Protein backbone atom coordinates (compact mmCIF):
# COMPACT_ATOMS: atom_id res chain seq x y z
CA UNK A 1 -16.37 12.34 -4.20
CA UNK A 2 -17.51 12.16 -0.61
CA UNK A 3 -17.21 14.21 2.52
CA UNK A 4 -15.43 12.92 5.62
CA UNK A 5 -15.78 14.73 8.93
CA UNK A 6 -13.54 14.52 11.99
CA UNK A 7 -14.10 16.16 15.36
CA UNK A 8 -11.19 17.01 17.62
CA UNK A 9 -12.65 15.00 20.50
CA UNK A 10 -11.61 11.82 18.68
CA UNK A 11 -8.13 10.71 19.73
CA UNK A 12 -6.07 9.75 16.72
CA UNK A 13 -2.59 8.77 15.58
CA UNK A 14 -0.59 11.25 13.52
CA UNK A 15 2.68 11.75 11.72
CA UNK A 16 4.39 15.11 11.28
CA UNK A 17 5.11 15.13 7.58
CA UNK A 18 6.78 18.46 6.90
CA UNK A 19 6.90 22.21 7.23
CA UNK A 20 4.03 24.60 6.51
CA UNK A 21 5.51 25.38 3.10
CA UNK A 22 4.73 21.82 2.00
CA UNK A 23 1.00 22.10 2.79
CA UNK A 24 -0.24 22.58 -0.75
CA UNK A 25 2.05 19.81 -2.01
CA UNK A 26 0.77 17.39 0.62
CA UNK A 27 -2.87 18.05 -0.26
CA UNK A 28 -2.34 17.87 -3.99
CA UNK A 29 -0.24 14.71 -3.76
CA UNK A 30 -2.95 12.87 -1.82
CA UNK A 31 -5.95 13.94 -3.90
CA UNK A 32 -7.55 15.85 -1.00
CA UNK A 33 -9.57 19.03 -1.50
CA UNK A 34 -10.02 21.30 1.50
CA UNK A 35 -13.59 22.08 2.59
CA UNK A 36 -13.05 23.47 6.08
CA UNK A 37 -14.90 26.82 6.00
CA UNK A 38 -12.48 28.29 8.47
CA UNK A 39 -9.15 27.94 10.21
CA UNK A 40 -7.35 24.65 9.63
CA UNK A 41 -6.64 24.44 13.34
CA UNK A 42 -10.40 24.66 14.22
CA UNK A 43 -12.38 22.24 16.33
CA UNK A 44 -13.89 20.43 13.34
CA UNK A 45 -12.07 19.68 10.10
CA UNK A 46 -13.95 18.49 7.02
CA UNK A 47 -12.29 17.37 3.79
CA UNK A 48 -13.61 16.19 0.44
CA UNK A 49 -11.68 13.17 -0.78
CA UNK A 50 -11.64 11.61 -4.23
CA UNK A 51 -12.07 7.90 -4.82
CA UNK A 52 -13.35 5.34 -2.38
CA UNK A 53 -10.43 4.20 -0.21
CA UNK A 54 -11.00 2.15 2.91
CA UNK A 55 -8.01 3.92 4.52
CA UNK A 56 -8.64 7.64 4.89
CA UNK A 57 -5.81 10.14 5.35
CA UNK A 58 -6.70 13.56 6.75
CA UNK A 59 -4.19 16.42 6.81
CA UNK A 60 -4.39 19.33 9.26
CA UNK A 61 -2.22 22.33 10.10
CA UNK A 62 -0.95 22.50 13.68
CA UNK A 63 1.36 25.49 14.15
CA UNK A 64 4.25 25.20 11.71
CA UNK A 65 3.67 21.55 10.90
CA UNK A 66 1.32 19.42 8.86
CA UNK A 67 -0.24 16.49 10.67
CA UNK A 68 -1.25 13.36 8.82
CA UNK A 69 -4.10 11.53 10.58
CA UNK A 70 -4.78 8.05 9.28
CA UNK A 71 -8.07 6.20 9.79
CA UNK A 72 -8.95 2.69 8.73
CA UNK A 73 -12.70 2.50 8.16
CA UNK A 74 -14.84 -0.55 8.61
CA UNK A 75 -16.61 -1.08 5.31
CA UNK A 76 -20.10 -1.46 6.76
CA UNK A 77 -19.75 1.78 8.78
CA UNK A 78 -18.59 4.09 5.99
CA UNK A 79 -22.07 5.32 5.08
CA UNK A 80 -22.95 5.91 8.73
CA UNK A 81 -19.79 7.94 9.20
CA UNK A 82 -20.48 10.04 6.15
CA UNK A 83 -24.15 10.62 6.93
CA UNK A 84 -23.58 11.50 10.58
CA UNK A 85 -20.53 13.66 9.99
CA UNK A 86 -18.82 11.69 12.76
CA UNK A 87 -15.83 9.34 12.91
CA UNK A 88 -17.98 6.35 13.97
CA UNK A 89 -16.67 3.09 12.59
CA UNK A 90 -13.19 4.49 12.17
CA UNK A 91 -10.40 2.46 13.69
CA UNK A 92 -7.30 4.44 14.62
CA UNK A 93 -3.97 3.59 13.03
CA UNK A 94 -0.86 5.24 14.52
CA UNK A 95 1.71 5.86 11.80
CA UNK A 96 4.27 7.37 14.23
CA UNK A 97 7.26 9.32 12.90
CA UNK A 98 9.33 12.40 13.67
CA UNK A 99 9.72 15.86 12.09
CA UNK A 100 11.31 15.31 8.69
CA UNK A 101 14.41 17.11 7.52
CA UNK A 102 14.35 19.11 4.26
CA UNK A 103 16.25 16.25 2.58
CA UNK A 104 13.43 13.91 3.56
CA UNK A 105 10.81 16.21 2.01
CA UNK A 106 12.78 16.27 -1.22
CA UNK A 107 13.11 12.49 -1.16
CA UNK A 108 9.36 12.10 -0.54
CA UNK A 109 8.55 14.33 -3.48
CA UNK A 110 10.87 12.32 -5.74
CA UNK A 111 9.78 8.90 -4.49
CA UNK A 112 8.21 8.00 -7.82
CA UNK A 113 11.40 8.80 -9.72
CA UNK A 114 14.01 6.10 -10.15
CA UNK A 115 17.53 7.25 -9.20
CA UNK A 116 19.97 7.71 -12.05
CA UNK A 117 22.68 5.06 -12.38
CA UNK A 118 26.01 6.06 -13.91
CA UNK A 119 28.75 3.59 -14.82
CA UNK A 120 31.94 5.05 -13.34
CA UNK A 121 35.44 4.69 -14.75
CA UNK A 122 37.33 4.20 -11.50
CA UNK A 123 39.76 1.46 -12.48
CA UNK A 124 42.78 3.61 -11.62
CA UNK A 125 41.86 3.59 -7.94
CA UNK A 126 41.92 -0.22 -7.83
CA UNK A 127 45.23 -0.74 -9.69
CA UNK A 128 44.38 -4.23 -10.89
CA UNK A 129 42.58 -5.37 -7.73
CA UNK A 130 39.30 -7.25 -8.14
CA UNK A 131 36.87 -4.74 -6.69
CA UNK A 132 33.71 -2.67 -6.91
CA UNK A 133 32.64 0.79 -5.81
CA UNK A 134 29.22 2.34 -5.25
CA UNK A 135 28.63 6.00 -4.40
CA UNK A 136 25.14 7.41 -3.93
CA UNK A 137 24.63 11.18 -4.11
CA UNK A 138 21.40 11.68 -2.14
CA UNK A 139 20.86 15.31 -3.20
CA UNK A 140 20.98 14.42 -6.91
CA UNK A 141 19.51 10.92 -6.55
CA UNK A 142 22.39 9.45 -8.52
CA UNK A 143 24.31 6.19 -8.13
CA UNK A 144 27.85 5.99 -9.49
CA UNK A 145 28.90 2.36 -9.83
CA UNK A 146 32.19 0.76 -10.79
CA UNK A 147 32.02 -2.94 -11.76
CA UNK A 148 28.25 -3.28 -11.59
CA UNK A 149 28.23 -7.10 -11.61
CA UNK A 150 30.41 -7.32 -8.50
CA UNK A 151 28.58 -4.38 -6.95
CA UNK A 152 25.36 -6.42 -7.02
CA UNK A 153 26.95 -9.65 -5.74
CA UNK A 154 26.18 -10.55 -2.13
CA UNK A 155 29.12 -11.38 0.12
CA UNK A 156 29.71 -11.69 3.87
CA UNK A 157 29.67 -8.24 5.52
CA UNK A 158 32.30 -9.23 8.12
CA UNK A 159 33.15 -6.38 10.52
CA UNK A 160 31.16 -3.75 8.61
CA UNK A 161 28.25 -5.40 10.43
CA UNK A 162 29.47 -3.75 13.64
CA UNK A 163 27.66 -0.64 12.38
CA UNK A 164 24.40 -2.60 12.46
CA UNK A 165 24.90 -4.41 15.75
CA UNK A 166 25.90 -1.08 17.34
CA UNK A 167 22.84 0.65 15.83
CA UNK A 168 20.42 -1.93 17.21
CA UNK A 169 22.10 -2.13 20.63
CA UNK A 170 22.14 1.67 21.01
CA UNK A 171 18.60 2.17 19.73
CA UNK A 172 17.20 -0.60 21.95
CA UNK A 173 19.02 0.66 25.06
CA UNK A 174 21.07 -2.53 25.34
CA UNK A 175 24.28 -0.51 25.33
CA UNK A 176 25.17 2.97 26.57
CA UNK A 177 28.56 4.33 25.40
CA UNK A 178 29.34 5.75 28.87
CA UNK A 179 28.58 2.43 30.55
CA UNK A 180 29.68 -0.13 28.00
CA UNK A 181 32.63 -2.03 29.50
CA UNK A 182 32.52 -5.77 28.89
CA UNK A 183 34.80 -8.21 30.66
CA UNK A 184 37.59 -10.02 28.84
CA UNK A 185 37.49 -13.79 29.38
CA UNK A 186 41.25 -14.07 29.81
CA UNK A 187 41.66 -15.96 26.55
CA UNK A 188 44.64 -14.68 24.56
CA UNK A 189 43.54 -13.62 21.08
CA UNK A 190 45.70 -13.03 18.00
CA UNK A 191 45.03 -9.28 18.19
CA UNK A 192 46.76 -8.11 21.36
CA UNK A 193 44.48 -5.04 21.51
CA UNK A 194 41.60 -7.35 22.37
CA UNK A 195 43.25 -8.94 25.42
CA UNK A 196 41.67 -6.73 28.08
CA UNK A 197 38.34 -5.38 29.28
CA UNK A 198 36.85 -3.21 26.53
CA UNK A 199 34.40 -0.33 26.18
CA UNK A 200 32.32 0.45 23.11
CA UNK A 201 34.43 3.16 21.51
CA UNK A 202 37.66 1.17 21.68
CA UNK A 203 35.97 -2.09 20.71
CA UNK A 204 34.52 -0.48 17.56
CA UNK A 205 37.78 1.16 16.53
CA UNK A 206 39.85 -1.99 17.12
CA UNK A 207 37.09 -4.13 15.56
CA UNK A 208 37.05 -6.44 18.59
CA UNK A 209 35.10 -9.54 17.57
CA UNK A 210 34.59 -11.06 21.04
CA UNK A 211 33.09 -7.79 22.31
CA UNK A 212 30.50 -7.62 19.53
CA UNK A 213 29.82 -11.36 19.82
CA UNK A 214 28.64 -10.57 23.36
CA UNK A 215 26.63 -7.53 22.21
CA UNK A 216 24.88 -9.55 19.50
CA UNK A 217 24.01 -12.32 21.94
CA UNK A 218 22.50 -9.67 24.24
CA UNK A 219 20.43 -8.32 21.35
CA UNK A 220 19.16 -11.85 20.74
CA UNK A 221 17.81 -13.59 17.66
CA UNK A 222 14.32 -12.06 17.66
CA UNK A 223 15.39 -8.42 17.95
CA UNK A 224 18.25 -8.97 15.53
CA UNK A 225 15.94 -10.44 12.91
CA UNK A 226 13.49 -7.56 13.35
CA UNK A 227 16.33 -5.06 13.02
CA UNK A 228 17.65 -6.59 9.79
CA UNK A 229 14.18 -6.88 8.28
CA UNK A 230 13.56 -3.21 9.11
CA UNK A 231 16.77 -2.23 7.31
CA UNK A 232 16.21 -4.68 4.44
CA UNK A 233 19.78 -5.79 5.08
CA UNK A 234 20.87 -8.07 2.23
CA UNK A 235 19.47 -11.58 2.63
CA UNK A 236 18.66 -10.97 6.35
CA UNK A 237 19.81 -14.53 7.09
CA UNK A 238 20.96 -15.06 10.69
CA UNK A 239 20.29 -18.81 10.65
CA UNK A 240 23.94 -19.68 11.38
CA UNK A 241 23.85 -17.69 14.63
CA UNK A 242 27.07 -19.13 16.03
CA UNK A 243 28.94 -18.99 12.72
CA UNK A 244 29.64 -22.69 12.30
CA UNK A 245 29.79 -22.27 8.51
CA UNK A 246 33.01 -20.28 8.94
CA UNK A 247 35.80 -22.61 7.81
CA UNK A 248 38.57 -20.24 8.84
CA UNK A 249 37.91 -20.22 12.59
CA UNK A 250 36.31 -22.61 15.08
CA UNK A 251 36.58 -20.31 18.12
CA UNK A 252 32.96 -19.37 18.87
CA UNK A 253 34.06 -16.15 20.56
CA UNK A 254 35.27 -15.03 17.12
CA UNK A 255 32.60 -16.37 14.78
CA UNK A 256 29.01 -15.50 13.94
CA UNK A 257 26.44 -15.33 11.16
CA UNK A 258 28.01 -12.08 9.89
CA UNK A 259 31.56 -13.49 9.37
CA UNK A 260 31.86 -15.72 6.28
CA UNK A 261 28.59 -17.40 7.19
CA UNK A 262 24.85 -17.16 6.43
CA UNK A 263 24.38 -13.37 6.24
CA UNK A 264 25.17 -11.81 2.84
CA UNK A 265 24.90 -8.32 1.37
CA UNK A 266 26.03 -6.62 -1.84
CA UNK A 267 28.05 -3.38 -2.07
CA UNK A 268 25.02 -1.55 -3.48
CA UNK A 269 22.83 -2.85 -0.66
CA UNK A 270 25.46 -1.66 1.84
CA UNK A 271 25.09 1.85 0.42
CA UNK A 272 21.29 1.70 0.61
CA UNK A 273 21.47 0.59 4.25
CA UNK A 274 23.78 3.51 5.11
CA UNK A 275 21.25 5.89 3.56
CA UNK A 276 18.39 4.31 5.53
CA UNK A 277 20.30 4.86 8.75
CA UNK A 278 21.76 8.32 8.19
CA UNK A 279 19.55 9.82 5.45
CA UNK A 280 16.70 12.29 5.72
CA UNK A 281 14.06 9.56 6.05
CA UNK A 282 15.88 7.72 8.86
CA UNK A 283 13.63 6.33 11.59
CA UNK A 284 16.45 6.15 14.13
CA UNK A 285 16.95 8.61 16.96
CA UNK A 286 19.36 11.53 16.66
CA UNK A 287 21.06 10.31 19.82
CA UNK A 288 21.80 6.90 18.30
CA UNK A 289 23.03 8.40 15.03
CA UNK A 290 25.35 10.84 16.79
CA UNK A 291 26.80 8.07 18.96
CA UNK A 292 27.41 5.99 15.86
CA UNK A 293 29.00 8.88 14.00
CA UNK A 294 31.39 9.46 16.88
CA UNK A 295 32.91 5.98 16.55
CA UNK A 296 32.67 5.85 12.74
CA UNK A 297 34.58 9.10 12.09
CA UNK A 298 37.75 8.24 10.14
CA UNK A 299 38.61 11.45 8.31
CA UNK A 300 37.79 14.78 10.00
CA UNK A 301 36.77 17.74 7.87
CA UNK A 302 40.13 19.44 8.52
CA UNK A 303 41.96 16.63 6.67
CA UNK A 304 39.76 16.08 3.61
CA UNK A 305 37.41 19.07 3.38
CA UNK A 306 34.47 16.90 4.45
CA UNK A 307 33.80 14.51 7.34
CA UNK A 308 34.05 10.84 6.33
CA UNK A 309 32.50 8.09 8.46
CA UNK A 310 32.79 4.35 7.94
CA UNK A 311 33.80 0.88 9.02
CA UNK A 312 36.20 -1.68 7.60
CA UNK A 313 35.57 -5.40 7.35
CA UNK A 314 37.63 -8.38 6.21
CA UNK A 315 37.02 -12.13 5.93
CA UNK A 316 39.16 -15.12 5.07
CA UNK A 317 38.61 -18.61 3.70
CA UNK A 318 41.39 -21.15 4.02
CA UNK A 319 43.66 -18.42 5.37
CA UNK A 320 43.21 -16.25 2.27
CA UNK A 321 41.39 -12.90 2.26
CA UNK A 322 38.24 -13.27 0.17
CA UNK A 323 36.26 -10.20 1.31
CA UNK A 324 37.52 -6.73 2.21
CA UNK A 325 35.21 -3.76 2.77
CA UNK A 326 34.94 -0.14 3.70
CA UNK A 327 31.43 1.32 3.85
CA UNK A 328 29.96 4.52 5.24
CA UNK A 329 29.12 8.07 4.22
CA UNK A 330 30.59 11.53 3.75
CA UNK A 331 28.86 14.53 5.27
CA UNK A 332 28.68 17.73 3.25
CA UNK A 333 26.46 20.80 3.17
CA UNK A 334 24.67 19.94 -0.08
CA UNK A 335 23.80 16.39 1.01
CA UNK A 336 25.51 13.20 2.09
CA UNK A 337 27.46 10.86 -0.16
CA UNK A 338 26.92 7.21 0.78
CA UNK A 339 29.58 4.78 -0.37
CA UNK A 340 30.93 1.27 -0.32
CA UNK A 341 34.25 -0.08 -1.55
CA UNK A 342 34.57 -3.84 -1.88
CA UNK A 343 37.68 -5.87 -2.72
CA UNK A 344 37.46 -9.56 -3.55
CA UNK A 345 40.05 -12.28 -3.81
CA UNK A 346 42.79 -11.28 -6.23
CA UNK A 347 45.64 -13.59 -7.24
CA UNK A 348 49.14 -12.40 -6.30
CA UNK A 349 47.81 -9.24 -4.64
CA UNK A 350 47.56 -7.99 -1.07
CA UNK A 351 43.84 -7.55 -0.44
CA UNK A 352 43.02 -5.77 2.83
CA UNK A 353 40.26 -3.68 4.37
CA UNK A 354 42.85 -0.95 4.94
CA UNK A 355 43.31 -0.78 1.16
CA UNK A 356 39.53 -0.55 0.68
CA UNK A 357 39.45 2.33 3.16
CA UNK A 358 42.33 4.08 1.40
CA UNK A 359 40.52 3.82 -1.96
CA UNK A 360 37.29 5.18 -0.47
CA UNK A 361 38.87 8.19 1.23
CA UNK A 362 40.82 9.10 -1.92
CA UNK A 363 37.80 8.63 -4.20
CA UNK A 364 35.44 10.69 -2.03
CA UNK A 365 38.05 13.42 -1.48
CA UNK A 366 38.65 13.70 -5.24
CA UNK A 367 34.90 13.98 -5.89
CA UNK A 368 34.34 16.94 -3.58
CA UNK A 369 37.37 18.98 -4.63
């Protein structure tokens, strides 16, 4: 064991990692023994750390929060830093972050535990349709999966991707809901609701492809790739930016990498992405999440007992529906339920995203009754 000293005069990066009640857990979990001889908020903080890591993590109380200060030490300067009781040779590393919600603290404490996976008997909801369902109960760390093979098969996300393009555009300041009107080109599209100037709320709810084609072009390839990598979104493949692989449509105002093209994601991955956006460990701003929730709300609490948020998506090949989706989450006091319903091509059956949405709302409503 060795002693590391830090004086308050040294500017450092920090991350708020929890409430004061988690102090003992934080210390124990990181193998740090306190050796401060005084108030944790004092000018000098000294800790005894086990092992010999190059990256040192120091925890300190500041009011009602715990701060995590992370230093990366140059190997040749470690002895000098220890002997002098100073932070010489320590290179700062800002780990960023925001105050974590209680759900996030629970998730952090359970990080080493694998979530439980339960095979669900939900065939009655699908009535013979080729489909899959995934529901993740964050509070119990439990997946319920119907048709696990299809639930792990990557398909085109289609218009469910509007959640992601909206997220990135809102978070990056590319789009503001109150100033979001984009100009219609004058081209007459098959959906008459799209044949006018559009603002964000209406474009999301009518699933206007030309509007989000413009938004995605404004985001650009570099920021889009960074955003998908950050979310670990399926195969993260935006290589067919214009959507030329789409055999059902050659109008570039209505095609893109997310519509029967290069980008693919599975139903289970859709659920995981929803949890990364709206869960306790989310790195996205509250403002962005609230703006997204406003357009994603499909079933108010008054109708179903809980608030259900989501987005439909549907894709065709050769004029036949081959992918139909509804993905999102349900908000409840004991923790969110994240879900995805997927319907694939089914002979002699009407496969639609509206049907996927109907199945999801019924399934989630039944679960919380």
